[in-house]
């Protein structure tokens, strides 16, 4: 579990109630003041680096102190806990593994809300239950702060190159203030609606991503068993109607592409356990909304089996290897 946490750690009401809204927007656009960043894992670390590259002073913390060393060498100020970050920065971004981590970082004994300043803008880029985002927004509002959910898509590569896609939920009046920071880390920043809608968009995206990765892995494996060269098959798929992100950008077959986890023993990238977690979120929301998701349910089962068989810390594209082992190869 610790290995997985290292991989991806620390990624309401009417406008009239949020008296700090105008203050946040005006202040945040005024100058490149300090930005807090909590969660410096595979995603958070390059995201924080991009803020530094754009001239923002960064104040950061992580549950694993060793994760802070590189950022500190680049000029970031490292503090002991989220409350200390909130005491010094009025704009804070969090990138955490799961709903319990978010609840602890915001409302725990050393959480952000213990010392948050009135008018602070809190942006959570974790992928969590939309209901938890709404709870955090209410808790932040009671402290005079503004909470927005802004989960990301694109993986570690996009985080490093500053080409993430952010799906933002929260008060529309605050979107411009959030966008100023998110543009430093992403190529696409999309406003989805009120708090929780960013998470809803992300959960839908990841369910499709998992289904697509399993389908690509099955297809590649079948083609290989039929005697096709995997590189040739990938080339054909990518110029045909079967083309998808999992085939042309993140191919799961070792040796087909460079610079992706399949070419590095499935190390780095987006962990299988995190994908299983996100699929669990999709299942919960599908149950709550009485939405049939048969392929999403099967994908969830497959990724849960992978976690039970030693794939938890490997990239989710290792489903190709899992399928190969299932057939006895």
C-alpha atoms as a PDB file:
ATOM      1  CA  UNK A   1       0.000   0.000   0.000  1.00  0.00           C
ATOM      2  CA  UNK A   2       2.850   2.371   0.818  1.00  0.00           C
ATOM      3  CA  UNK A   3       4.247   1.958  -2.669  1.00  0.00           C
ATOM      4  CA  UNK A   4       0.913   2.885  -4.156  1.00  0.00           C
ATOM      5  CA  UNK A   5       0.565   5.901  -1.918  1.00  0.00           C
ATOM      6  CA  UNK A   6       3.984   7.048  -3.078  1.00  0.00           C
ATOM      7  CA  UNK A   7       2.746   6.771  -6.638  1.00  0.00           C
ATOM      8  CA  UNK A   8      -0.075   9.079  -6.417  1.00  0.00           C
ATOM      9  CA  UNK A   9      -0.009  10.948  -3.051  1.00  0.00           C
ATOM     10  CA  UNK A  10      -0.409  13.945  -1.608  1.00  0.00           C
ATOM     11  CA  UNK A  11      -3.612  13.582  -7.649  1.00  0.00           C
ATOM     12  CA  UNK A  12     -22.613  24.651  -2.749  1.00  0.00           C
ATOM     13  CA  UNK A  13     -24.652  26.748  -1.806  1.00  0.00           C
ATOM     14  CA  UNK A  14     -25.379  30.047  -3.474  1.00  0.00           C
ATOM     15  CA  UNK A  15     -22.779  32.623  -4.420  1.00  0.00           C
ATOM     16  CA  UNK A  16     -24.276  35.100  -2.008  1.00  0.00           C
ATOM     17  CA  UNK A  17     -23.137  32.970   0.927  1.00  0.00           C
ATOM     18  CA  UNK A  18     -19.478  33.060  -0.139  1.00  0.00           C
ATOM     19  CA  UNK A  19     -18.571  36.561   0.928  1.00  0.00           C
ATOM     20  CA  UNK A  20     -14.886  35.866   0.171  1.00  0.00           C
ATOM     21  CA  UNK A  21     -15.392  35.075  -3.516  1.00  0.00           C
ATOM     22  CA  UNK A  22     -14.627  38.476  -5.007  1.00  0.00           C
ATOM     23  CA  UNK A  23     -11.634  38.812  -2.706  1.00  0.00           C
ATOM     24  CA  UNK A  24     -10.174  35.501  -3.843  1.00  0.00           C
ATOM     25  CA  UNK A  25     -10.544  36.293  -7.536  1.00  0.00           C
ATOM     26  CA  UNK A  26      -9.142  39.802  -7.310  1.00  0.00           C
ATOM     27  CA  UNK A  27      -6.238  38.883  -5.045  1.00  0.00           C
ATOM     28  CA  UNK A  28      -5.204  35.764  -6.892  1.00  0.00           C
ATOM     29  CA  UNK A  29      -5.004  37.514 -10.218  1.00  0.00           C
ATOM     30  CA  UNK A  30      -3.035  40.425  -8.790  1.00  0.00           C
ATOM     31  CA  UNK A  31       0.399  38.830  -8.498  1.00  0.00           C
ATOM     32  CA  UNK A  32       2.283  35.582  -8.280  1.00  0.00           C
ATOM     33  CA  UNK A  33       1.945  35.116  -4.548  1.00  0.00           C
ATOM     34  CA  UNK A  34       2.762  31.948  -2.634  1.00  0.00           C
ATOM     35  CA  UNK A  35       0.923  28.763  -3.557  1.00  0.00           C
ATOM     36  CA  UNK A  36       0.589  25.827  -1.187  1.00  0.00           C
ATOM     37  CA  UNK A  37       0.908  22.301  -2.564  1.00  0.00           C
ATOM     38  CA  UNK A  38       0.100  19.168  -0.577  1.00  0.00           C
ATOM     39  CA  UNK A  39       0.935  15.754  -2.014  1.00  0.00           C
ATOM     40  CA  UNK A  40       4.200  15.299  -3.926  1.00  0.00           C
ATOM     41  CA  UNK A  41       3.853  11.865  -5.473  1.00  0.00           C
ATOM     42  CA  UNK A  42       4.194  10.870  -9.128  1.00  0.00           C
ATOM     43  CA  UNK A  43       1.572  13.432 -10.118  1.00  0.00           C
ATOM     44  CA  UNK A  44       1.929  16.119  -7.477  1.00  0.00           C
ATOM     45  CA  UNK A  45       5.690  16.472  -7.802  1.00  0.00           C
ATOM     46  CA  UNK A  46       5.752  17.485 -11.496  1.00  0.00           C
ATOM     47  CA  UNK A  47       2.652  19.639 -11.026  1.00  0.00           C
ATOM     48  CA  UNK A  48       4.364  21.599  -8.253  1.00  0.00           C
ATOM     49  CA  UNK A  49       7.502  21.874 -10.404  1.00  0.00           C
ATOM     50  CA  UNK A  50       5.485  23.507 -13.161  1.00  0.00           C
ATOM     51  CA  UNK A  51       4.187  26.110 -10.717  1.00  0.00           C
ATOM     52  CA  UNK A  52       7.797  26.906  -9.830  1.00  0.00           C
ATOM     53  CA  UNK A  53       8.693  27.133 -13.520  1.00  0.00           C
ATOM     54  CA  UNK A  54       5.949  29.716 -13.977  1.00  0.00           C
ATOM     55  CA  UNK A  55       7.366  31.855 -11.203  1.00  0.00           C
ATOM     56  CA  UNK A  56       5.082  30.957  -8.318  1.00  0.00           C
ATOM     57  CA  UNK A  57       6.742  30.535  -4.897  1.00  0.00           C
ATOM     58  CA  UNK A  58       5.639  27.100  -3.654  1.00  0.00           C
ATOM     59  CA  UNK A  59       5.102  26.037  -0.045  1.00  0.00           C
ATOM     60  CA  UNK A  60       4.689  22.269   0.150  1.00  0.00           C
ATOM     61  CA  UNK A  61       4.352  19.241   2.376  1.00  0.00           C
ATOM     62  CA  UNK A  62       3.955  15.485   2.005  1.00  0.00           C
ATOM     63  CA  UNK A  63       3.397  12.603   4.405  1.00  0.00           C
ATOM     64  CA  UNK A  64       6.665  11.129   3.114  1.00  0.00           C
ATOM     65  CA  UNK A  65       9.434  13.701   3.785  1.00  0.00           C
ATOM     66  CA  UNK A  66      11.764  12.161   1.205  1.00  0.00           C
ATOM     67  CA  UNK A  67       9.293  13.149  -1.508  1.00  0.00           C
ATOM     68  CA  UNK A  68       9.950  16.815  -0.696  1.00  0.00           C
ATOM     69  CA  UNK A  69      13.712  16.826  -1.247  1.00  0.00           C
ATOM     70  CA  UNK A  70      13.734  17.400  -4.995  1.00  0.00           C
ATOM     71  CA  UNK A  71      11.217  20.222  -4.827  1.00  0.00           C
ATOM     72  CA  UNK A  72      13.114  21.822  -1.955  1.00  0.00           C
ATOM     73  CA  UNK A  73      16.291  21.801  -4.046  1.00  0.00           C
ATOM     74  CA  UNK A  74      14.382  23.692  -6.738  1.00  0.00           C
ATOM     75  CA  UNK A  75      13.458  26.434  -4.292  1.00  0.00           C
ATOM     76  CA  UNK A  76      10.215  25.345  -2.657  1.00  0.00           C
ATOM     77  CA  UNK A  77       9.671  25.901   1.059  1.00  0.00           C
ATOM     78  CA  UNK A  78       8.878  22.629   2.844  1.00  0.00           C
ATOM     79  CA  UNK A  79       6.718  22.561   5.969  1.00  0.00           C
ATOM     80  CA  UNK A  80       5.705  19.785   8.347  1.00  0.00           C
ATOM     81  CA  UNK A  81       1.956  19.510   7.775  1.00  0.00           C
ATOM     82  CA  UNK A  82      -1.054  20.889   5.857  1.00  0.00           C
ATOM     83  CA  UNK A  83      -2.077  23.266   8.663  1.00  0.00           C
ATOM     84  CA  UNK A  84       1.292  25.028   8.458  1.00  0.00           C
ATOM     85  CA  UNK A  85       0.874  25.376   4.698  1.00  0.00           C
ATOM     86  CA  UNK A  86      -2.578  26.909   5.171  1.00  0.00           C
ATOM     87  CA  UNK A  87      -1.141  29.358   7.684  1.00  0.00           C
ATOM     88  CA  UNK A  88       1.232  30.760   5.047  1.00  0.00           C
ATOM     89  CA  UNK A  89      -0.618  30.419   1.716  1.00  0.00           C
ATOM     90  CA  UNK A  90      -4.098  31.519   0.714  1.00  0.00           C
ATOM     91  CA  UNK A  91      -4.131  29.410  -2.456  1.00  0.00           C
ATOM     92  CA  UNK A  92      -3.604  25.680  -1.926  1.00  0.00           C
ATOM     93  CA  UNK A  93      -3.632  22.707  -4.297  1.00  0.00           C
ATOM     94  CA  UNK A  94      -3.955  19.153  -3.019  1.00  0.00           C
ATOM     95  CA  UNK A  95      -3.165  15.932  -4.930  1.00  0.00           C
ATOM     96  CA  UNK A  96      -3.994  12.889  -2.782  1.00  0.00           C
ATOM     97  CA  UNK A  97      -4.698   9.171  -3.318  1.00  0.00           C
ATOM     98  CA  UNK A  98      -8.210   8.708  -1.934  1.00  0.00           C
ATOM     99  CA  UNK A  99     -11.233  10.124  -0.130  1.00  0.00           C
ATOM    100  CA  UNK A 100      -9.928   9.275   3.393  1.00  0.00           C
ATOM    101  CA  UNK A 101      -6.649  11.070   2.621  1.00  0.00           C
ATOM    102  CA  UNK A 102      -8.522  14.168   1.466  1.00  0.00           C
ATOM    103  CA  UNK A 103     -10.727  14.175   4.570  1.00  0.00           C
ATOM    104  CA  UNK A 104      -7.660  13.903   6.811  1.00  0.00           C
ATOM    105  CA  UNK A 105      -5.649  16.593   4.996  1.00  0.00           C
ATOM    106  CA  UNK A 106      -8.532  19.057   5.123  1.00  0.00           C
ATOM    107  CA  UNK A 107     -10.250  18.294   8.431  1.00  0.00           C
ATOM    108  CA  UNK A 108      -7.720  16.250  10.461  1.00  0.00           C
ATOM    109  CA  UNK A 109      -5.794  17.420  13.559  1.00  0.00           C
ATOM    110  CA  UNK A 110      -3.128  19.029  11.360  1.00  0.00           C
ATOM    111  CA  UNK A 111      -5.460  19.714   8.476  1.00  0.00           C
ATOM    112  CA  UNK A 112      -5.806  22.722   6.222  1.00  0.00           C
ATOM    113  CA  UNK A 113      -9.010  23.927   7.860  1.00  0.00           C
ATOM    114  CA  UNK A 114      -7.304  24.219  11.250  1.00  0.00           C
ATOM    115  CA  UNK A 115      -5.428  27.333  10.096  1.00  0.00           C
ATOM    116  CA  UNK A 116      -7.002  28.306   6.784  1.00  0.00           C
ATOM    117  CA  UNK A 117      -7.312  32.024   6.112  1.00  0.00           C
ATOM    118  CA  UNK A 118     -10.658  33.559   5.229  1.00  0.00           C
ATOM    119  CA  UNK A 119     -10.942  34.013   1.501  1.00  0.00           C
ATOM    120  CA  UNK A 120      -8.490  31.205   0.719  1.00  0.00           C
ATOM    121  CA  UNK A 121      -8.924  29.252  -2.501  1.00  0.00           C
ATOM    122  CA  UNK A 122      -8.587  25.472  -2.012  1.00  0.00           C
ATOM    123  CA  UNK A 123      -8.273  23.320  -5.140  1.00  0.00           C
ATOM    124  CA  UNK A 124      -8.356  19.548  -4.794  1.00  0.00           C
ATOM    125  CA  UNK A 125      -6.984  17.617  -7.787  1.00  0.00           C
ATOM    126  CA  UNK A 126      -7.419  14.185  -6.193  1.00  0.00           C
ATOM    127  CA  UNK A 127      -9.864  11.682  -7.673  1.00  0.00           C
ATOM    128  CA  UNK A 128     -12.409  10.996  -4.941  1.00  0.00           C
ATOM    129  CA  UNK A 129     -16.102  10.449  -4.276  1.00  0.00           C
ATOM    130  CA  UNK A 130     -18.083  13.513  -5.447  1.00  0.00           C
ATOM    131  CA  UNK A 131     -19.965  13.406  -2.142  1.00  0.00           C
ATOM    132  CA  UNK A 132     -16.695  13.933  -0.248  1.00  0.00           C
ATOM    133  CA  UNK A 133     -15.880  16.954  -2.421  1.00  0.00           C
ATOM    134  CA  UNK A 134     -19.240  18.429  -1.480  1.00  0.00           C
ATOM    135  CA  UNK A 135     -18.571  17.746   2.218  1.00  0.00           C
ATOM    136  CA  UNK A 136     -15.181  19.466   2.010  1.00  0.00           C
ATOM    137  CA  UNK A 137     -16.765  22.450   0.260  1.00  0.00           C
ATOM    138  CA  UNK A 138     -19.272  22.859   3.082  1.00  0.00           C
ATOM    139  CA  UNK A 139     -16.535  22.538   5.720  1.00  0.00           C
ATOM    140  CA  UNK A 140     -14.381  25.106   3.902  1.00  0.00           C
ATOM    141  CA  UNK A 141     -17.308  27.493   3.558  1.00  0.00           C
ATOM    142  CA  UNK A 142     -17.812  27.444   7.328  1.00  0.00           C
ATOM    143  CA  UNK A 143     -14.226  28.682   7.672  1.00  0.00           C
ATOM    144  CA  UNK A 144     -14.727  31.418   5.085  1.00  0.00           C
ATOM    145  CA  UNK A 145     -12.723  29.594   2.377  1.00  0.00           C
ATOM    146  CA  UNK A 146     -13.635  28.411  -1.121  1.00  0.00           C
ATOM    147  CA  UNK A 147     -13.206  24.753  -2.161  1.00  0.00           C
ATOM    148  CA  UNK A 148     -13.144  23.519  -5.767  1.00  0.00           C
ATOM    149  CA  UNK A 149     -12.636  20.002  -7.095  1.00  0.00           C
ATOM    150  CA  UNK A 150     -10.286  19.806 -10.093  1.00  0.00           C
ATOM    151  CA  UNK A 151      -9.255  16.193 -10.829  1.00  0.00           C
ATOM    152  CA  UNK A 152      -6.899  15.598 -13.732  1.00  0.00           C
ATOM    153  CA  UNK A 153      -6.437  13.353 -16.726  1.00  0.00           C
ATOM    154  CA  UNK A 154      -3.296  12.695 -18.734  1.00  0.00           C
ATOM    155  CA  UNK A 155      -1.021  10.732 -16.432  1.00  0.00           C
ATOM    156  CA  UNK A 156       2.540  11.354 -15.298  1.00  0.00           C
ATOM    157  CA  UNK A 157       3.740  12.325 -18.768  1.00  0.00           C
ATOM    158  CA  UNK A 158       1.182  15.093 -19.092  1.00  0.00           C
ATOM    159  CA  UNK A 159       1.877  16.211 -15.522  1.00  0.00           C
ATOM    160  CA  UNK A 160       5.572  16.578 -16.371  1.00  0.00           C
ATOM    161  CA  UNK A 161       4.976  18.428 -19.641  1.00  0.00           C
ATOM    162  CA  UNK A 162       2.249  20.664 -18.239  1.00  0.00           C
ATOM    163  CA  UNK A 163      -0.411  19.199 -20.537  1.00  0.00           C
ATOM    164  CA  UNK A 164      -2.920  17.826 -18.060  1.00  0.00           C
ATOM    165  CA  UNK A 165      -6.664  18.187 -18.495  1.00  0.00           C
ATOM    166  CA  UNK A 166      -8.399  19.638 -15.429  1.00  0.00           C
ATOM    167  CA  UNK A 167     -12.103  19.044 -14.819  1.00  0.00           C
ATOM    168  CA  UNK A 168     -13.234  21.770 -12.440  1.00  0.00           C
ATOM    169  CA  UNK A 169     -16.261  21.852 -10.158  1.00  0.00           C
ATOM    170  CA  UNK A 170     -17.168  24.786  -7.941  1.00  0.00           C
ATOM    171  CA  UNK A 171     -18.547  28.294  -7.933  1.00  0.00           C
ATOM    172  CA  UNK A 172     -18.344  29.688 -11.469  1.00  0.00           C
ATOM    173  CA  UNK A 173     -17.359  33.086 -10.040  1.00  0.00           C
ATOM    174  CA  UNK A 174     -14.099  31.521  -8.836  1.00  0.00           C
ATOM    175  CA  UNK A 175     -13.222  29.616 -12.000  1.00  0.00           C
ATOM    176  CA  UNK A 176     -10.994  32.381 -13.394  1.00  0.00           C
ATOM    177  CA  UNK A 177      -8.940  32.459 -10.191  1.00  0.00           C
ATOM    178  CA  UNK A 178      -8.497  28.674 -10.255  1.00  0.00           C
ATOM    179  CA  UNK A 179      -7.770  28.691 -13.985  1.00  0.00           C
ATOM    180  CA  UNK A 180      -4.822  31.045 -13.487  1.00  0.00           C
ATOM    181  CA  UNK A 181      -3.003  28.369 -11.490  1.00  0.00           C
ATOM    182  CA  UNK A 182      -4.246  25.328 -13.372  1.00  0.00           C
ATOM    183  CA  UNK A 183      -3.113  26.758 -16.711  1.00  0.00           C
ATOM    184  CA  UNK A 184       0.460  26.468 -15.414  1.00  0.00           C
ATOM    185  CA  UNK A 185       0.020  22.716 -15.140  1.00  0.00           C
ATOM    186  CA  UNK A 186      -2.432  21.845 -17.885  1.00  0.00           C
ATOM    187  CA  UNK A 187      -3.325  22.332 -21.527  1.00  0.00           C
ATOM    188  CA  UNK A 188      -7.070  22.068 -20.915  1.00  0.00           C
ATOM    189  CA  UNK A 189      -8.994  23.534 -17.980  1.00  0.00           C
ATOM    190  CA  UNK A 190     -12.713  22.811 -18.275  1.00  0.00           C
ATOM    191  CA  UNK A 191     -15.462  24.175 -16.035  1.00  0.00           C
ATOM    192  CA  UNK A 192     -17.963  21.365 -15.350  1.00  0.00           C
ATOM    193  CA  UNK A 193     -20.431  22.961 -12.924  1.00  0.00           C
ATOM    194  CA  UNK A 194     -20.885  23.074  -9.175  1.00  0.00           C
ATOM    195  CA  UNK A 195     -18.696  21.243  -6.630  1.00  0.00           C
ATOM    196  CA  UNK A 196     -18.536  17.513  -7.382  1.00  0.00           C
ATOM    197  CA  UNK A 197     -19.075  17.749 -11.133  1.00  0.00           C
ATOM    198  CA  UNK A 198     -15.336  17.710 -11.791  1.00  0.00           C
ATOM    199  CA  UNK A 199     -15.132  14.411  -9.923  1.00  0.00           C
ATOM    200  CA  UNK A 200     -18.137  13.090 -11.835  1.00  0.00           C
ATOM    201  CA  UNK A 201     -16.412  13.834 -15.155  1.00  0.00           C
ATOM    202  CA  UNK A 202     -13.170  12.221 -13.975  1.00  0.00           C
ATOM    203  CA  UNK A 203     -14.898   9.052 -12.745  1.00  0.00           C
ATOM    204  CA  UNK A 204     -16.662   8.660 -16.101  1.00  0.00           C
ATOM    205  CA  UNK A 205     -13.379   9.202 -17.953  1.00  0.00           C
ATOM    206  CA  UNK A 206     -11.494   6.630 -15.905  1.00  0.00           C
ATOM    207  CA  UNK A 207     -14.190   4.019 -16.281  1.00  0.00           C
ATOM    208  CA  UNK A 208     -13.898   4.398 -20.064  1.00  0.00           C
ATOM    209  CA  UNK A 209     -10.092   4.394 -19.804  1.00  0.00           C
ATOM    210  CA  UNK A 210     -10.096   1.077 -17.936  1.00  0.00           C
ATOM    211  CA  UNK A 211     -12.517  -0.509 -20.376  1.00  0.00           C
ATOM    212  CA  UNK A 212     -10.437   0.753 -23.301  1.00  0.00           C
ATOM    213  CA  UNK A 213      -7.170  -0.511 -21.824  1.00  0.00           C
ATOM    214  CA  UNK A 214      -8.608  -3.971 -21.236  1.00  0.00           C
ATOM    215  CA  UNK A 215     -10.004  -4.034 -24.772  1.00  0.00           C
ATOM    216  CA  UNK A 216      -6.676  -2.918 -26.257  1.00  0.00           C
ATOM    217  CA  UNK A 217      -4.805  -5.551 -24.225  1.00  0.00           C
ATOM    218  CA  UNK A 218      -7.176  -8.323 -25.303  1.00  0.00           C
ATOM    219  CA  UNK A 219      -6.916  -7.226 -28.934  1.00  0.00           C
ATOM    220  CA  UNK A 220      -3.126  -7.028 -28.927  1.00  0.00           C
ATOM    221  CA  UNK A 221      -2.847 -10.386 -27.207  1.00  0.00           C
ATOM    222  CA  UNK A 222      -5.192 -12.028 -29.710  1.00  0.00           C
ATOM    223  CA  UNK A 223      -3.270 -10.556 -32.640  1.00  0.00           C
ATOM    224  CA  UNK A 224       0.045 -11.771 -31.251  1.00  0.00           C
ATOM    225  CA  UNK A 225      -1.373 -15.291 -30.800  1.00  0.00           C
ATOM    226  CA  UNK A 226      -2.532 -15.160 -34.420  1.00  0.00           C
ATOM    227  CA  UNK A 227       1.019 -14.454 -35.534  1.00  0.00           C
ATOM    228  CA  UNK A 228       0.914 -10.678 -36.018  1.00  0.00           C
ATOM    229  CA  UNK A 229       3.912  -8.536 -35.107  1.00  0.00           C
ATOM    230  CA  UNK A 230       2.737  -6.320 -32.207  1.00  0.00           C
ATOM    231  CA  UNK A 231       4.227  -3.144 -33.681  1.00  0.00           C
ATOM    232  CA  UNK A 232       2.544  -3.803 -37.006  1.00  0.00           C
ATOM    233  CA  UNK A 233      -0.774  -4.556 -35.314  1.00  0.00           C
ATOM    234  CA  UNK A 234      -0.564  -1.353 -33.292  1.00  0.00           C
ATOM    235  CA  UNK A 235       0.192   0.590 -36.475  1.00  0.00           C
ATOM    236  CA  UNK A 236      -2.857  -0.899 -38.199  1.00  0.00           C
ATOM    237  CA  UNK A 237      -5.131  -0.233 -35.229  1.00  0.00           C
ATOM    238  CA  UNK A 238      -3.954   3.353 -35.048  1.00  0.00           C
ATOM    239  CA  UNK A 239      -4.885   4.048 -38.667  1.00  0.00           C
ATOM    240  CA  UNK A 240      -8.206   2.223 -38.359  1.00  0.00           C
ATOM    241  CA  UNK A 241     -11.501   2.545 -36.521  1.00  0.00           C
ATOM    242  CA  UNK A 242     -10.178   0.683 -33.461  1.00  0.00           C
ATOM    243  CA  UNK A 243      -7.777   3.503 -32.643  1.00  0.00           C
ATOM    244  CA  UNK A 244      -7.897   4.791 -29.046  1.00  0.00           C
ATOM    245  CA  UNK A 245      -5.653   6.427 -26.439  1.00  0.00           C
ATOM    246  CA  UNK A 246      -4.625   3.053 -25.039  1.00  0.00           C
ATOM    247  CA  UNK A 247      -3.439   1.911 -28.462  1.00  0.00           C
ATOM    248  CA  UNK A 248      -1.785   5.037 -29.873  1.00  0.00           C
ATOM    249  CA  UNK A 249      -0.459   6.848 -26.802  1.00  0.00           C
ATOM    250  CA  UNK A 250      -0.129   4.323 -23.969  1.00  0.00           C
ATOM    251  CA  UNK A 251       0.173   0.939 -25.627  1.00  0.00           C
ATOM    252  CA  UNK A 252       0.268  -1.882 -23.051  1.00  0.00           C
ATOM    253  CA  UNK A 253       2.542  -4.247 -25.002  1.00  0.00           C
ATOM    254  CA  UNK A 254       6.251  -4.127 -24.077  1.00  0.00           C
ATOM    255  CA  UNK A 255       8.429  -2.999 -26.965  1.00  0.00           C
ATOM    256  CA  UNK A 256       5.694  -1.332 -29.015  1.00  0.00           C
ATOM    257  CA  UNK A 257       6.241   2.193 -27.682  1.00  0.00           C
ATOM    258  CA  UNK A 258       9.003   4.058 -25.866  1.00  0.00           C
ATOM    259  CA  UNK A 259       8.459   6.286 -22.872  1.00  0.00           C
ATOM    260  CA  UNK A 260       5.442   4.406 -21.493  1.00  0.00           C
ATOM    261  CA  UNK A 261       5.235   2.062 -18.474  1.00  0.00           C
ATOM    262  CA  UNK A 262       4.931  -1.066 -20.637  1.00  0.00           C
ATOM    263  CA  UNK A 263       8.452  -0.325 -21.828  1.00  0.00           C
ATOM    264  CA  UNK A 264       9.708  -0.082 -18.239  1.00  0.00           C
ATOM    265  CA  UNK A 265       8.345  -3.252 -16.637  1.00  0.00           C
ATOM    266  CA  UNK A 266       5.104  -1.368 -15.931  1.00  0.00           C
ATOM    267  CA  UNK A 267       6.801   0.891 -13.399  1.00  0.00           C
ATOM    268  CA  UNK A 268       5.584   4.453 -12.833  1.00  0.00           C
ATOM    269  CA  UNK A 269       2.428   5.753 -14.437  1.00  0.00           C
ATOM    270  CA  UNK A 270      -0.998   5.173 -12.880  1.00  0.00           C
ATOM    271  CA  UNK A 271      -1.115   2.313 -10.412  1.00  0.00           C
ATOM    272  CA  UNK A 272      -3.467  -0.642 -10.770  1.00  0.00           C
ATOM    273  CA  UNK A 273      -4.699  -0.153  -7.210  1.00  0.00           C
ATOM    274  CA  UNK A 274      -5.608   3.450  -7.976  1.00  0.00           C
ATOM    275  CA  UNK A 275      -7.512   2.369 -11.069  1.00  0.00           C
ATOM    276  CA  UNK A 276      -9.371  -0.211  -8.996  1.00  0.00           C
ATOM    277  CA  UNK A 277     -10.207   2.553  -6.522  1.00  0.00           C
ATOM    278  CA  UNK A 278     -11.551   4.829  -9.257  1.00  0.00           C
ATOM    279  CA  UNK A 279     -13.618   2.007 -10.735  1.00  0.00           C
ATOM    280  CA  UNK A 280     -15.021   1.425  -7.260  1.00  0.00           C
ATOM    281  CA  UNK A 281     -16.087   5.078  -7.170  1.00  0.00           C
ATOM    282  CA  UNK A 282     -17.755   4.610 -10.552  1.00  0.00           C
ATOM    283  CA  UNK A 283     -19.568   1.522  -9.268  1.00  0.00           C
ATOM    284  CA  UNK A 284     -20.801   3.346  -6.172  1.00  0.00           C
ATOM    285  CA  UNK A 285     -22.139   6.287  -8.151  1.00  0.00           C
ATOM    286  CA  UNK A 286     -23.705   3.947 -10.723  1.00  0.00           C
ATOM    287  CA  UNK A 287     -25.490   2.082  -7.927  1.00  0.00           C
ATOM    288  CA  UNK A 288     -26.664   5.312  -6.320  1.00  0.00           C
ATOM    289  CA  UNK A 289     -28.024   6.617  -9.622  1.00  0.00           C
ATOM    290  CA  UNK A 290     -29.373   3.209 -10.756  1.00  0.00           C
ATOM    291  CA  UNK A 291     -27.219   3.381 -13.902  1.00  0.00           C
ATOM    292  CA  UNK A 292     -26.358   0.100 -15.680  1.00  0.00           C
ATOM    293  CA  UNK A 293     -22.600  -0.183 -16.285  1.00  0.00           C
ATOM    294  CA  UNK A 294     -21.947  -3.862 -17.148  1.00  0.00           C
ATOM    295  CA  UNK A 295     -18.554  -3.285 -18.783  1.00  0.00           C
ATOM    296  CA  UNK A 296     -17.530  -0.948 -15.957  1.00  0.00           C
ATOM    297  CA  UNK A 297     -18.437  -3.673 -13.456  1.00  0.00           C
ATOM    298  CA  UNK A 298     -16.351  -6.261 -15.309  1.00  0.00           C
ATOM    299  CA  UNK A 299     -13.412  -3.849 -15.505  1.00  0.00           C
ATOM    300  CA  UNK A 300     -13.666  -3.289 -11.753  1.00  0.00           C
ATOM    301  CA  UNK A 301     -13.573  -7.029 -11.117  1.00  0.00           C
ATOM    302  CA  UNK A 302     -10.526  -7.486 -13.362  1.00  0.00           C
ATOM    303  CA  UNK A 303      -8.527  -4.723 -11.685  1.00  0.00           C
ATOM    304  CA  UNK A 304      -9.466  -6.002  -8.240  1.00  0.00           C
ATOM    305  CA  UNK A 305      -8.212  -9.472  -9.230  1.00  0.00           C
ATOM    306  CA  UNK A 306      -4.994  -7.905 -10.458  1.00  0.00           C
ATOM    307  CA  UNK A 307      -4.479  -6.220  -7.089  1.00  0.00           C
ATOM    308  CA  UNK A 308      -4.953  -9.555  -5.350  1.00  0.00           C
ATOM    309  CA  UNK A 309      -2.345 -11.183  -7.619  1.00  0.00           C
ATOM    310  CA  UNK A 310       0.557  -8.825  -7.135  1.00  0.00           C
ATOM    311  CA  UNK A 311      -0.160  -6.082  -9.679  1.00  0.00           C
ATOM    312  CA  UNK A 312      -1.302  -3.382  -7.247  1.00  0.00           C
ATOM    313  CA  UNK A 313       1.775  -1.159  -7.592  1.00  0.00           C
ATOM    314  CA  UNK A 314       2.254  -1.756 -11.325  1.00  0.00           C
ATOM    315  CA  UNK A 315       0.824   0.587 -13.946  1.00  0.00           C
ATOM    316  CA  UNK A 316      -2.748  -0.199 -14.929  1.00  0.00           C
ATOM    317  CA  UNK A 317      -1.607  -1.128 -18.466  1.00  0.00           C
ATOM    318  CA  UNK A 318      -0.108  -4.261 -16.901  1.00  0.00           C
ATOM    319  CA  UNK A 319      -3.537  -5.804 -17.532  1.00  0.00           C
ATOM    320  CA  UNK A 320      -1.891  -7.052 -20.761  1.00  0.00           C
ATOM    321  CA  UNK A 321       0.664  -9.008 -18.727  1.00  0.00           C
ATOM    322  CA  UNK A 322      -2.097 -10.228 -16.421  1.00  0.00           C
ATOM    323  CA  UNK A 323      -4.063 -11.611 -19.373  1.00  0.00           C
ATOM    324  CA  UNK A 324      -0.951 -13.312 -20.771  1.00  0.00           C
ATOM    325  CA  UNK A 325      -0.313 -14.989 -17.422  1.00  0.00           C
ATOM    326  CA  UNK A 326      -3.939 -16.042 -17.186  1.00  0.00           C
ATOM    327  CA  UNK A 327      -3.531 -18.048 -20.377  1.00  0.00           C
ATOM    328  CA  UNK A 328      -0.416 -19.756 -18.990  1.00  0.00           C
ATOM    329  CA  UNK A 329       2.259 -17.908 -20.970  1.00  0.00           C
END
